[in-house]
Amino acid sequence: MILTMLLMLKLCTEVRVANELNIKRRSFAATDSKDEELRVPPRRPYLDFDPHHFWHWSSFSDYVQCVLAFTGVAGYITYLSIDSALFVETLGFLAVLTEAMLGVPQLYRNYCHRSTEGMSLKMVLMWTSGDTFKTAYFLLNGAPLQFSVCGLLQVMVDLVILGQAYAFAHHPQKPAAHAVHPASTKAL
């Protein structure tokens, strides 16, 4: 699954870079916050974590470097802390919480755009049914509390997204009036 996700990330990066007009090069490994033109061979400075450009790099290798660095650091910390029950429980909770929050970016996007255009209602119904069955399984089989709590959170996020789909479909946002530029009217 990780390989598939990386291949999808590679494809998305290539498509985004090919479609952007005034492309600036951002890299994972940059010393300063300046952008580099794509035509110039990229410098390999060290660690550009500008929050405005983080995870918006124009090279797939920058994503791979970041994933490998994160995996190495997280693996080393886990190796050092594997005997700590508190660490293992916290790591497990964070993993389950991360999965529970997968729908939040879609929820936020819908909220910002006041629209669910482009979102498949069938997909969200499948999410909701899967999350509901999974949460019911956790509750009925006495799974640890974090599984049940995160499962319920996931179902609530799914239901809010379904509510957005209903609300935005029945009360669509009116399109904003197009502002006419004075110079363009002279040409007509």
N, C-alpha and C. Protein backbone atom coordinates (compact mmCIF):
# COMPACT_ATOMS: atom_id res chain seq x y z
N MET A 1 0.82 -1.18 0.00
CA MET A 1 0.00 0.00 0.00
C MET A 1 0.87 1.26 0.00
N ILE A 2 1.97 1.23 0.73
CA ILE A 2 2.86 2.39 0.77
C ILE A 2 3.45 2.65 -0.62
N LEU A 3 3.83 1.58 -1.31
CA LEU A 3 4.36 1.73 -2.67
C LEU A 3 3.32 2.36 -3.59
N THR A 4 2.08 1.93 -3.48
CA THR A 4 1.00 2.51 -4.29
C THR A 4 0.82 3.99 -3.98
N MET A 5 0.85 4.33 -2.71
CA MET A 5 0.71 5.75 -2.32
C MET A 5 1.86 6.58 -2.88
N LEU A 6 3.07 6.05 -2.84
CA LEU A 6 4.21 6.77 -3.39
C LEU A 6 4.09 6.93 -4.90
N LEU A 7 3.61 5.89 -5.58
CA LEU A 7 3.41 6.00 -7.03
C LEU A 7 2.34 7.04 -7.36
N MET A 8 1.28 7.10 -6.56
CA MET A 8 0.24 8.12 -6.77
C MET A 8 0.81 9.51 -6.51
N LEU A 9 1.64 9.64 -5.48
CA LEU A 9 2.27 10.92 -5.19
C LEU A 9 3.19 11.35 -6.33
N LYS A 10 3.91 10.40 -6.91
CA LYS A 10 4.78 10.71 -8.06
C LYS A 10 3.94 11.21 -9.23
N LEU A 11 2.86 10.53 -9.52
CA LEU A 11 1.98 10.94 -10.61
C LEU A 11 1.38 12.32 -10.35
N CYS A 12 0.90 12.56 -9.15
CA CYS A 12 0.33 13.87 -8.81
C CYS A 12 1.36 14.98 -8.93
N THR A 13 2.58 14.72 -8.48
CA THR A 13 3.65 15.71 -8.58
C THR A 13 3.95 16.04 -10.04
N GLU A 14 4.06 15.01 -10.87
CA GLU A 14 4.36 15.23 -12.28
C GLU A 14 3.24 16.01 -12.98
N VAL A 15 2.00 15.68 -12.68
CA VAL A 15 0.86 16.37 -13.30
C VAL A 15 0.80 17.82 -12.82
N ARG A 16 0.97 18.03 -11.51
CA ARG A 16 0.91 19.40 -10.98
C ARG A 16 2.01 20.27 -11.57
N VAL A 17 3.23 19.75 -11.62
CA VAL A 17 4.35 20.51 -12.16
C VAL A 17 4.12 20.81 -13.64
N ALA A 18 3.60 19.85 -14.39
CA ALA A 18 3.36 20.06 -15.82
C ALA A 18 2.25 21.09 -16.06
N ASN A 19 1.30 21.20 -15.14
CA ASN A 19 0.16 22.09 -15.34
C ASN A 19 0.36 23.50 -14.79
N GLU A 20 1.30 23.69 -13.90
CA GLU A 20 1.50 25.02 -13.33
C GLU A 20 2.21 25.92 -14.32
N LEU A 21 1.79 27.17 -14.37
CA LEU A 21 2.39 28.09 -15.32
C LEU A 21 3.71 28.65 -14.79
N ASN A 22 3.66 29.51 -13.83
CA ASN A 22 4.85 30.16 -13.31
C ASN A 22 5.41 29.32 -12.17
N ILE A 23 6.00 28.19 -12.52
CA ILE A 23 6.44 27.23 -11.53
C ILE A 23 7.73 27.68 -10.86
N LYS A 24 7.71 27.62 -9.57
CA LYS A 24 8.91 27.87 -8.78
C LYS A 24 9.32 26.56 -8.15
N ARG A 25 10.57 26.31 -8.04
CA ARG A 25 11.08 25.05 -7.49
C ARG A 25 11.16 25.17 -5.99
N ARG A 26 10.50 24.25 -5.28
CA ARG A 26 10.61 24.14 -3.84
C ARG A 26 11.22 22.79 -3.56
N SER A 27 12.10 22.72 -2.62
CA SER A 27 12.69 21.42 -2.32
C SER A 27 12.67 21.16 -0.83
N PHE A 28 12.72 19.89 -0.48
CA PHE A 28 12.76 19.46 0.91
C PHE A 28 14.07 19.88 1.55
N ALA A 29 15.13 19.89 0.76
CA ALA A 29 16.45 20.19 1.28
C ALA A 29 16.92 21.53 0.73
N ALA A 30 16.53 22.63 1.37
CA ALA A 30 16.93 23.97 0.94
C ALA A 30 17.39 24.77 2.15
N THR A 31 18.46 25.56 2.00
CA THR A 31 18.98 26.30 3.15
C THR A 31 18.26 27.61 3.36
N ASP A 32 17.80 28.23 2.31
CA ASP A 32 17.13 29.51 2.48
C ASP A 32 15.68 29.37 2.04
N SER A 33 14.90 30.45 2.24
CA SER A 33 13.48 30.39 1.91
C SER A 33 13.22 30.91 0.50
N LYS A 34 14.27 31.09 -0.30
CA LYS A 34 14.09 31.59 -1.66
C LYS A 34 13.70 30.45 -2.59
N ASP A 35 12.88 30.78 -3.57
CA ASP A 35 12.49 29.80 -4.57
C ASP A 35 13.56 29.74 -5.65
N GLU A 36 13.66 28.60 -6.28
CA GLU A 36 14.58 28.44 -7.39
C GLU A 36 13.76 28.25 -8.65
N GLU A 37 14.15 28.86 -9.72
CA GLU A 37 13.45 28.62 -10.99
C GLU A 37 13.66 27.18 -11.40
N LEU A 38 12.67 26.58 -12.00
CA LEU A 38 12.73 25.18 -12.37
C LEU A 38 13.80 24.92 -13.42
N ARG A 39 14.10 25.90 -14.26
CA ARG A 39 15.08 25.71 -15.33
C ARG A 39 16.50 25.57 -14.79
N VAL A 40 16.74 26.16 -13.63
CA VAL A 40 18.07 26.07 -13.02
C VAL A 40 18.17 24.72 -12.32
N PRO A 41 19.27 24.01 -12.50
CA PRO A 41 19.40 22.74 -11.78
C PRO A 41 19.25 22.99 -10.29
N PRO A 42 18.42 22.21 -9.63
CA PRO A 42 18.14 22.49 -8.23
C PRO A 42 19.37 22.32 -7.35
N ARG A 43 19.56 23.28 -6.47
CA ARG A 43 20.60 23.13 -5.46
C ARG A 43 20.08 22.16 -4.43
N ARG A 44 20.95 21.52 -3.75
CA ARG A 44 20.55 20.60 -2.71
C ARG A 44 20.93 21.15 -1.35
N PRO A 45 20.42 22.36 -1.04
CA PRO A 45 20.65 22.87 0.31
C PRO A 45 19.88 22.03 1.34
N TYR A 46 20.04 22.32 2.56
CA TYR A 46 19.54 21.45 3.61
C TYR A 46 18.28 22.00 4.30
N LEU A 47 17.22 21.23 4.33
CA LEU A 47 16.01 21.41 5.13
C LEU A 47 15.28 22.76 4.96
N ASP A 48 14.41 22.81 4.00
CA ASP A 48 13.50 23.94 3.83
C ASP A 48 12.15 23.54 4.39
N PHE A 49 11.86 23.99 5.59
CA PHE A 49 10.58 23.65 6.23
C PHE A 49 9.69 24.88 6.33
N ASP A 50 9.73 25.74 5.31
CA ASP A 50 8.83 26.88 5.27
C ASP A 50 7.40 26.35 5.32
N PRO A 51 6.62 26.71 6.35
CA PRO A 51 5.28 26.13 6.49
C PRO A 51 4.36 26.42 5.30
N HIS A 52 4.60 27.49 4.57
CA HIS A 52 3.75 27.83 3.43
C HIS A 52 4.03 26.93 2.22
N HIS A 53 5.19 26.31 2.19
CA HIS A 53 5.56 25.48 1.04
C HIS A 53 5.80 24.03 1.41
N PHE A 54 5.65 23.68 2.70
CA PHE A 54 5.88 22.30 3.11
C PHE A 54 4.86 21.40 2.45
N TRP A 55 5.33 20.33 1.87
CA TRP A 55 4.57 19.31 1.15
C TRP A 55 3.98 19.85 -0.15
N HIS A 56 4.56 20.92 -0.68
CA HIS A 56 4.18 21.47 -1.99
C HIS A 56 5.42 21.55 -2.88
N TRP A 57 6.27 20.56 -2.80
CA TRP A 57 7.50 20.57 -3.56
C TRP A 57 7.23 20.19 -5.01
N SER A 58 8.18 20.50 -5.88
CA SER A 58 7.98 20.23 -7.30
C SER A 58 8.78 19.03 -7.79
N SER A 59 9.40 18.30 -6.89
CA SER A 59 10.17 17.12 -7.28
C SER A 59 9.76 15.94 -6.39
N PHE A 60 9.51 14.82 -7.00
CA PHE A 60 9.12 13.63 -6.27
C PHE A 60 10.23 13.19 -5.31
N SER A 61 11.47 13.39 -5.68
CA SER A 61 12.58 12.96 -4.81
C SER A 61 12.56 13.72 -3.48
N ASP A 62 12.06 14.95 -3.47
CA ASP A 62 11.95 15.69 -2.21
C ASP A 62 10.95 15.03 -1.27
N TYR A 63 9.85 14.52 -1.82
CA TYR A 63 8.87 13.80 -1.00
C TYR A 63 9.48 12.52 -0.44
N VAL A 64 10.22 11.81 -1.28
CA VAL A 64 10.84 10.56 -0.84
C VAL A 64 11.85 10.85 0.28
N GLN A 65 12.64 11.92 0.13
CA GLN A 65 13.60 12.30 1.18
C GLN A 65 12.87 12.58 2.49
N CYS A 66 11.78 13.31 2.42
CA CYS A 66 11.03 13.65 3.63
C CYS A 66 10.44 12.41 4.28
N VAL A 67 9.86 11.51 3.49
CA VAL A 67 9.27 10.29 4.02
C VAL A 67 10.36 9.41 4.65
N LEU A 68 11.50 9.30 3.99
CA LEU A 68 12.60 8.50 4.54
C LEU A 68 13.14 9.11 5.84
N ALA A 69 13.28 10.44 5.87
CA ALA A 69 13.76 11.10 7.09
C ALA A 69 12.77 10.89 8.24
N PHE A 70 11.48 11.07 7.96
CA PHE A 70 10.46 10.86 8.99
C PHE A 70 10.47 9.41 9.48
N THR A 71 10.54 8.47 8.54
CA THR A 71 10.53 7.05 8.90
C THR A 71 11.76 6.70 9.74
N GLY A 72 12.92 7.22 9.36
CA GLY A 72 14.13 6.96 10.11
C GLY A 72 14.07 7.50 11.53
N VAL A 73 13.64 8.74 11.67
CA VAL A 73 13.55 9.36 13.00
C VAL A 73 12.50 8.66 13.85
N ALA A 74 11.32 8.42 13.28
CA ALA A 74 10.25 7.75 14.03
C ALA A 74 10.66 6.32 14.41
N GLY A 75 11.32 5.63 13.49
CA GLY A 75 11.78 4.27 13.78
C GLY A 75 12.80 4.24 14.90
N TYR A 76 13.71 5.19 14.88
CA TYR A 76 14.75 5.24 15.91
C TYR A 76 14.14 5.56 17.28
N ILE A 77 13.22 6.53 17.32
CA ILE A 77 12.55 6.87 18.58
C ILE A 77 11.75 5.68 19.10
N THR A 78 11.08 4.98 18.20
CA THR A 78 10.31 3.80 18.60
C THR A 78 11.24 2.71 19.13
N TYR A 79 12.36 2.51 18.48
CA TYR A 79 13.34 1.51 18.93
C TYR A 79 13.83 1.82 20.34
N LEU A 80 14.10 3.10 20.61
CA LEU A 80 14.58 3.50 21.93
C LEU A 80 13.50 3.41 23.00
N SER A 81 12.24 3.58 22.61
CA SER A 81 11.15 3.69 23.59
C SER A 81 10.21 2.49 23.60
N ILE A 82 10.57 1.40 22.96
CA ILE A 82 9.66 0.27 22.80
C ILE A 82 9.28 -0.37 24.14
N ASP A 83 10.10 -0.22 25.16
CA ASP A 83 9.80 -0.81 26.46
C ASP A 83 8.87 0.05 27.31
N SER A 84 8.57 1.25 26.87
CA SER A 84 7.69 2.15 27.62
C SER A 84 6.24 1.91 27.21
N ALA A 85 5.43 1.47 28.17
CA ALA A 85 4.01 1.22 27.89
C ALA A 85 3.31 2.52 27.50
N LEU A 86 3.69 3.62 28.15
CA LEU A 86 3.08 4.91 27.83
C LEU A 86 3.37 5.29 26.38
N PHE A 87 4.61 5.10 25.93
CA PHE A 87 4.97 5.43 24.56
C PHE A 87 4.20 4.56 23.57
N VAL A 88 4.13 3.27 23.83
CA VAL A 88 3.45 2.35 22.91
C VAL A 88 1.96 2.68 22.84
N GLU A 89 1.33 2.95 23.97
CA GLU A 89 -0.10 3.31 23.99
C GLU A 89 -0.34 4.64 23.27
N THR A 90 0.55 5.61 23.50
CA THR A 90 0.41 6.91 22.83
C THR A 90 0.59 6.77 21.33
N LEU A 91 1.59 5.99 20.91
CA LEU A 91 1.82 5.77 19.49
C LEU A 91 0.62 5.08 18.84
N GLY A 92 0.07 4.09 19.52
CA GLY A 92 -1.11 3.41 19.01
C GLY A 92 -2.30 4.34 18.90
N PHE A 93 -2.50 5.18 19.91
CA PHE A 93 -3.61 6.14 19.88
C PHE A 93 -3.43 7.13 18.73
N LEU A 94 -2.21 7.62 18.55
CA LEU A 94 -1.96 8.57 17.45
C LEU A 94 -2.20 7.92 16.09
N ALA A 95 -1.87 6.65 15.95
CA ALA A 95 -2.11 5.94 14.69
C ALA A 95 -3.61 5.83 14.42
N VAL A 96 -4.37 5.45 15.44
CA VAL A 96 -5.82 5.32 15.28
C VAL A 96 -6.46 6.69 15.06
N LEU A 97 -5.99 7.71 15.77
CA LEU A 97 -6.52 9.06 15.61
C LEU A 97 -6.23 9.60 14.22
N THR A 98 -5.05 9.31 13.69
CA THR A 98 -4.72 9.74 12.33
C THR A 98 -5.69 9.14 11.33
N GLU A 99 -5.99 7.86 11.48
CA GLU A 99 -6.96 7.24 10.58
C GLU A 99 -8.35 7.85 10.77
N ALA A 100 -8.71 8.17 12.00
CA ALA A 100 -10.03 8.76 12.27
C ALA A 100 -10.18 10.13 11.64
N MET A 101 -9.08 10.83 11.43
CA MET A 101 -9.14 12.20 10.91
C MET A 101 -8.99 12.27 9.39
N LEU A 102 -9.02 11.14 8.70
CA LEU A 102 -8.82 11.14 7.25
C LEU A 102 -9.87 11.95 6.50
N GLY A 103 -11.08 12.03 7.01
CA GLY A 103 -12.13 12.79 6.33
C GLY A 103 -12.10 14.28 6.59
N VAL A 104 -11.33 14.73 7.57
CA VAL A 104 -11.33 16.15 7.94
C VAL A 104 -10.87 17.07 6.81
N PRO A 105 -9.84 16.74 6.02
CA PRO A 105 -9.49 17.64 4.91
C PRO A 105 -10.64 17.83 3.92
N GLN A 106 -11.40 16.77 3.63
CA GLN A 106 -12.56 16.89 2.75
C GLN A 106 -13.63 17.76 3.39
N LEU A 107 -13.86 17.57 4.68
CA LEU A 107 -14.83 18.37 5.41
C LEU A 107 -14.46 19.84 5.35
N TYR A 108 -13.19 20.13 5.58
CA TYR A 108 -12.70 21.52 5.57
C TYR A 108 -12.79 22.12 4.17
N ARG A 109 -12.44 21.35 3.15
CA ARG A 109 -12.53 21.83 1.77
C ARG A 109 -13.97 22.17 1.41
N ASN A 110 -14.89 21.27 1.77
CA ASN A 110 -16.31 21.53 1.52
C ASN A 110 -16.76 22.80 2.21
N TYR A 111 -16.32 22.98 3.45
CA TYR A 111 -16.70 24.17 4.22
C TYR A 111 -16.17 25.44 3.57
N CYS A 112 -14.91 25.43 3.17
CA CYS A 112 -14.30 26.63 2.57
C CYS A 112 -14.96 26.99 1.24
N HIS A 113 -15.28 26.00 0.44
CA HIS A 113 -15.86 26.25 -0.89
C HIS A 113 -17.38 26.31 -0.85
N ARG A 114 -17.96 25.98 0.30
CA ARG A 114 -19.42 25.94 0.43
C ARG A 114 -20.04 25.09 -0.69
N SER A 115 -19.35 23.99 -1.00
CA SER A 115 -19.78 23.12 -2.08
C SER A 115 -19.16 21.74 -1.89
N THR A 116 -19.86 20.74 -2.39
CA THR A 116 -19.31 19.39 -2.43
C THR A 116 -19.12 18.94 -3.86
N GLU A 117 -19.00 19.90 -4.76
CA GLU A 117 -18.81 19.59 -6.17
C GLU A 117 -17.55 18.75 -6.35
N GLY A 118 -17.68 17.71 -7.14
CA GLY A 118 -16.56 16.83 -7.41
C GLY A 118 -16.41 15.70 -6.41
N MET A 119 -17.18 15.73 -5.34
CA MET A 119 -17.11 14.69 -4.32
C MET A 119 -18.18 13.65 -4.62
N SER A 120 -17.82 12.39 -4.57
CA SER A 120 -18.76 11.32 -4.83
C SER A 120 -19.55 11.00 -3.57
N LEU A 121 -20.86 11.17 -3.66
CA LEU A 121 -21.72 10.85 -2.52
C LEU A 121 -21.67 9.34 -2.22
N LYS A 122 -21.57 8.52 -3.25
CA LYS A 122 -21.47 7.07 -3.05
C LYS A 122 -20.21 6.73 -2.26
N MET A 123 -19.11 7.44 -2.56
CA MET A 123 -17.86 7.19 -1.84
C MET A 123 -18.04 7.50 -0.35
N VAL A 124 -18.69 8.62 -0.04
CA VAL A 124 -18.87 9.00 1.36
C VAL A 124 -19.82 8.03 2.05
N LEU A 125 -20.84 7.55 1.34
CA LEU A 125 -21.73 6.55 1.93
C LEU A 125 -20.97 5.26 2.22
N MET A 126 -20.06 4.89 1.35
CA MET A 126 -19.24 3.69 1.59
C MET A 126 -18.30 3.91 2.78
N TRP A 127 -17.70 5.11 2.87
CA TRP A 127 -16.89 5.45 4.05
C TRP A 127 -17.71 5.26 5.31
N THR A 128 -18.90 5.88 5.29
CA THR A 128 -19.74 5.89 6.48
C THR A 128 -20.14 4.47 6.87
N SER A 129 -20.54 3.67 5.90
CA SER A 129 -20.95 2.30 6.24
C SER A 129 -19.76 1.50 6.77
N GLY A 130 -18.61 1.63 6.14
CA GLY A 130 -17.42 0.92 6.63
C GLY A 130 -17.02 1.35 8.02
N ASP A 131 -17.03 2.66 8.25
CA ASP A 131 -16.65 3.17 9.57
C ASP A 131 -17.67 2.78 10.63
N THR A 132 -18.95 2.74 10.26
CA THR A 132 -19.99 2.34 11.20
C THR A 132 -19.84 0.88 11.59
N PHE A 133 -19.63 0.01 10.61
CA PHE A 133 -19.44 -1.41 10.91
C PHE A 133 -18.18 -1.64 11.74
N LYS A 134 -17.11 -0.93 11.41
CA LYS A 134 -15.86 -1.07 12.15
C LYS A 134 -16.05 -0.63 13.61
N THR A 135 -16.73 0.50 13.80
CA THR A 135 -16.95 1.01 15.15
C THR A 135 -17.87 0.07 15.94
N ALA A 136 -18.90 -0.46 15.28
CA ALA A 136 -19.77 -1.42 15.96
C ALA A 136 -18.97 -2.65 16.38
N TYR A 137 -18.08 -3.11 15.53
CA TYR A 137 -17.23 -4.24 15.88
C TYR A 137 -16.38 -3.93 17.12
N PHE A 138 -15.79 -2.73 17.14
CA PHE A 138 -14.98 -2.34 18.30
C PHE A 138 -15.82 -2.32 19.57
N LEU A 139 -17.01 -1.74 19.49
CA LEU A 139 -17.87 -1.62 20.67
C LEU A 139 -18.37 -2.98 21.14
N LEU A 140 -18.76 -3.85 20.22
CA LEU A 140 -19.31 -5.15 20.59
C LEU A 140 -18.26 -6.12 21.10
N ASN A 141 -17.04 -5.97 20.65
CA ASN A 141 -15.98 -6.91 21.06
C ASN A 141 -15.08 -6.38 22.16
N GLY A 142 -15.44 -5.24 22.74
CA GLY A 142 -14.67 -4.72 23.87
C GLY A 142 -13.26 -4.32 23.52
N ALA A 143 -13.07 -3.71 22.36
CA ALA A 143 -11.74 -3.23 21.96
C ALA A 143 -11.30 -2.12 22.91
N PRO A 144 -10.01 -1.86 23.00
CA PRO A 144 -9.54 -0.76 23.85
C PRO A 144 -10.28 0.54 23.55
N LEU A 145 -10.40 1.37 24.56
CA LEU A 145 -11.21 2.59 24.48
C LEU A 145 -10.83 3.48 23.30
N GLN A 146 -9.53 3.61 23.00
CA GLN A 146 -9.12 4.52 21.93
C GLN A 146 -9.69 4.10 20.57
N PHE A 147 -9.89 2.81 20.35
CA PHE A 147 -10.47 2.35 19.09
C PHE A 147 -11.93 2.79 18.98
N SER A 148 -12.67 2.62 20.06
CA SER A 148 -14.08 3.01 20.04
C SER A 148 -14.24 4.53 19.91
N VAL A 149 -13.45 5.28 20.66
CA VAL A 149 -13.55 6.74 20.60
C VAL A 149 -13.20 7.25 19.21
N CYS A 150 -12.11 6.77 18.65
CA CYS A 150 -11.70 7.22 17.32
C CYS A 150 -12.68 6.74 16.25
N GLY A 151 -13.25 5.55 16.41
CA GLY A 151 -14.25 5.06 15.48
C GLY A 151 -15.49 5.95 15.50
N LEU A 152 -15.95 6.31 16.70
CA LEU A 152 -17.10 7.21 16.80
C LEU A 152 -16.79 8.58 16.20
N LEU A 153 -15.58 9.07 16.42
CA LEU A 153 -15.17 10.35 15.82
C LEU A 153 -15.19 10.26 14.30
N GLN A 154 -14.72 9.16 13.77
CA GLN A 154 -14.69 8.95 12.32
C GLN A 154 -16.11 8.92 11.75
N VAL A 155 -17.03 8.25 12.42
CA VAL A 155 -18.41 8.19 11.96
C VAL A 155 -19.04 9.59 12.02
N MET A 156 -18.72 10.35 13.07
CA MET A 156 -19.27 11.72 13.17
C MET A 156 -18.76 12.60 12.02
N VAL A 157 -17.48 12.49 11.69
CA VAL A 157 -16.94 13.27 10.56
C VAL A 157 -17.64 12.87 9.27
N ASP A 158 -17.85 11.57 9.07
CA ASP A 158 -18.56 11.11 7.87
C ASP A 158 -19.97 11.67 7.81
N LEU A 159 -20.67 11.68 8.95
CA LEU A 159 -22.04 12.19 8.98
C LEU A 159 -22.08 13.69 8.71
N VAL A 160 -21.10 14.42 9.20
CA VAL A 160 -21.04 15.86 8.92
C VAL A 160 -20.81 16.10 7.43
N ILE A 161 -19.94 15.30 6.81
CA ILE A 161 -19.71 15.43 5.37
C ILE A 161 -21.00 15.12 4.59
N LEU A 162 -21.73 14.09 5.01
CA LEU A 162 -23.02 13.79 4.38
C LEU A 162 -24.00 14.95 4.57
N GLY A 163 -23.97 15.56 5.76
CA GLY A 163 -24.81 16.73 6.01
C GLY A 163 -24.43 17.89 5.11
N GLN A 164 -23.13 18.08 4.88
CA GLN A 164 -22.68 19.12 3.96
C GLN A 164 -23.20 18.85 2.55
N ALA A 165 -23.12 17.60 2.12
CA ALA A 165 -23.60 17.25 0.78
C ALA A 165 -25.07 17.57 0.65
N TYR A 166 -25.85 17.27 1.67
CA TYR A 166 -27.28 17.57 1.64
C TYR A 166 -27.51 19.08 1.65
N ALA A 167 -26.85 19.78 2.58
CA ALA A 167 -27.07 21.22 2.73
C ALA A 167 -26.63 21.99 1.49
N PHE A 168 -25.49 21.66 0.95
CA PHE A 168 -24.99 22.42 -0.20
C PHE A 168 -25.75 22.07 -1.47
N ALA A 169 -26.34 20.89 -1.54
CA ALA A 169 -27.14 20.52 -2.71
C ALA A 169 -28.50 21.21 -2.68
N HIS A 170 -29.06 21.38 -1.47
CA HIS A 170 -30.39 21.98 -1.36
C HIS A 170 -30.35 23.49 -1.19
N HIS A 171 -29.20 24.02 -0.82
CA HIS A 171 -29.04 25.47 -0.66
C HIS A 171 -27.73 25.90 -1.32
N PRO A 172 -27.67 25.81 -2.66
CA PRO A 172 -26.41 26.13 -3.34
C PRO A 172 -26.04 27.60 -3.17
N GLN A 173 -24.75 27.82 -3.14
CA GLN A 173 -24.23 29.19 -3.02
C GLN A 173 -24.45 29.91 -4.35
N LYS A 174 -24.92 31.14 -4.25
CA LYS A 174 -25.13 31.93 -5.47
C LYS A 174 -23.78 32.37 -6.01
N PRO A 175 -23.60 32.28 -7.33
CA PRO A 175 -22.31 32.70 -7.89
C PRO A 175 -22.08 34.19 -7.69
N ALA A 176 -20.84 34.53 -7.42
CA ALA A 176 -20.48 35.93 -7.22
C ALA A 176 -20.58 36.67 -8.54
N ALA A 177 -21.02 37.91 -8.46
CA ALA A 177 -21.12 38.72 -9.67
C ALA A 177 -19.73 38.98 -10.22
N HIS A 178 -19.61 38.92 -11.53
CA HIS A 178 -18.32 39.12 -12.18
C HIS A 178 -18.03 40.62 -12.23
N ALA A 179 -16.90 41.01 -11.69
CA ALA A 179 -16.51 42.42 -11.71
C ALA A 179 -16.00 42.78 -13.10
N VAL A 180 -16.49 43.87 -13.62
CA VAL A 180 -16.08 44.31 -14.95
C VAL A 180 -14.94 45.29 -14.80
N HIS A 181 -13.85 45.03 -15.49
CA HIS A 181 -12.70 45.90 -15.44
C HIS A 181 -12.91 47.04 -16.42
N PRO A 182 -12.71 48.32 -15.98
CA PRO A 182 -12.97 49.46 -16.85
C PRO A 182 -12.19 49.43 -18.17
N ALA A 183 -10.97 48.92 -18.14
CA ALA A 183 -10.16 48.90 -19.37
C ALA A 183 -10.74 47.91 -20.37
N SER A 184 -11.31 46.83 -19.89
CA SER A 184 -11.83 45.82 -20.81
C SER A 184 -13.11 46.29 -21.49
N THR A 185 -13.86 47.18 -20.88
CA THR A 185 -15.07 47.69 -21.51
C THR A 185 -14.76 48.65 -22.64
N LYS A 186 -13.63 49.34 -22.56
CA LYS A 186 -13.23 50.26 -23.63
C LYS A 186 -12.93 49.49 -24.91
N ALA A 187 -12.38 48.28 -24.76
CA ALA A 187 -12.01 47.50 -25.94
C ALA A 187 -13.24 47.04 -26.69
N LEU A 188 -14.37 46.89 -26.00
CA LEU A 188 -15.59 46.43 -26.65
C LEU A 188 -16.21 47.58 -27.38
